[in-house]
Amino acid sequence: DDEINAIENLVNEKILKNLLVEKFNTTLNEAKKLGARFGIFR
């Protein structure tokens, strides 16, 4: 069914985007922690 495939693709895209955003936020938080340790970020 084309409709089901389209929906599945949308869901998969959303999941991938969420994972990427999560990974990015985690990396950003780690960078901030490191930066705070060295007095870079205030």
Protein backbone atom coordinates (compact mmCIF):
# COMPACT_ATOMS: atom_id res chain seq x y z
CA ASP A 1 0.00 0.00 0.00
CA ASP A 2 1.48 3.31 -1.11
CA GLU A 3 -0.26 5.24 1.64
CA ILE A 4 1.19 2.99 4.34
CA ASN A 5 4.66 3.29 2.82
CA ALA A 6 4.37 7.07 2.74
CA ILE A 7 3.35 7.14 6.41
CA GLU A 8 6.16 4.76 7.37
CA ASN A 9 8.67 6.95 5.55
CA LEU A 10 7.41 10.03 7.38
CA VAL A 11 7.63 8.26 10.73
CA ASN A 12 11.14 7.01 9.99
CA GLU A 13 12.23 10.50 8.92
CA LYS A 14 10.82 11.96 12.13
CA ILE A 15 12.60 9.34 14.24
CA LEU A 16 15.88 9.99 12.44
CA LYS A 17 15.52 13.75 12.89
CA ASN A 18 14.75 13.30 16.58
CA LEU A 19 17.83 11.10 17.00
CA LEU A 20 20.01 13.65 15.22
CA VAL A 21 18.65 16.50 17.33
CA GLU A 22 19.17 14.46 20.49
CA LYS A 23 22.74 13.65 19.47
CA PHE A 24 23.38 17.31 18.64
CA ASN A 25 21.97 18.50 21.96
CA THR A 26 24.05 15.96 23.87
CA THR A 27 27.18 17.09 22.03
CA LEU A 28 26.29 20.72 22.70
CA ASN A 29 25.79 20.03 26.40
CA GLU A 30 29.12 18.21 26.62
CA ALA A 31 30.82 21.13 24.88
CA LYS A 32 29.23 23.56 27.32
CA LYS A 33 30.38 21.48 30.29
CA LEU A 34 33.92 21.37 28.94
CA GLY A 35 33.76 25.07 28.12
CA ALA A 36 32.54 25.92 31.61
CA ARG A 37 35.41 23.92 33.06
CA PHE A 38 37.86 26.04 31.10
CA GLY A 39 35.93 29.28 31.58
CA ILE A 40 35.00 29.62 27.91
CA PHE A 41 31.22 29.66 28.26
CA ARG A 42 29.50 31.84 30.81
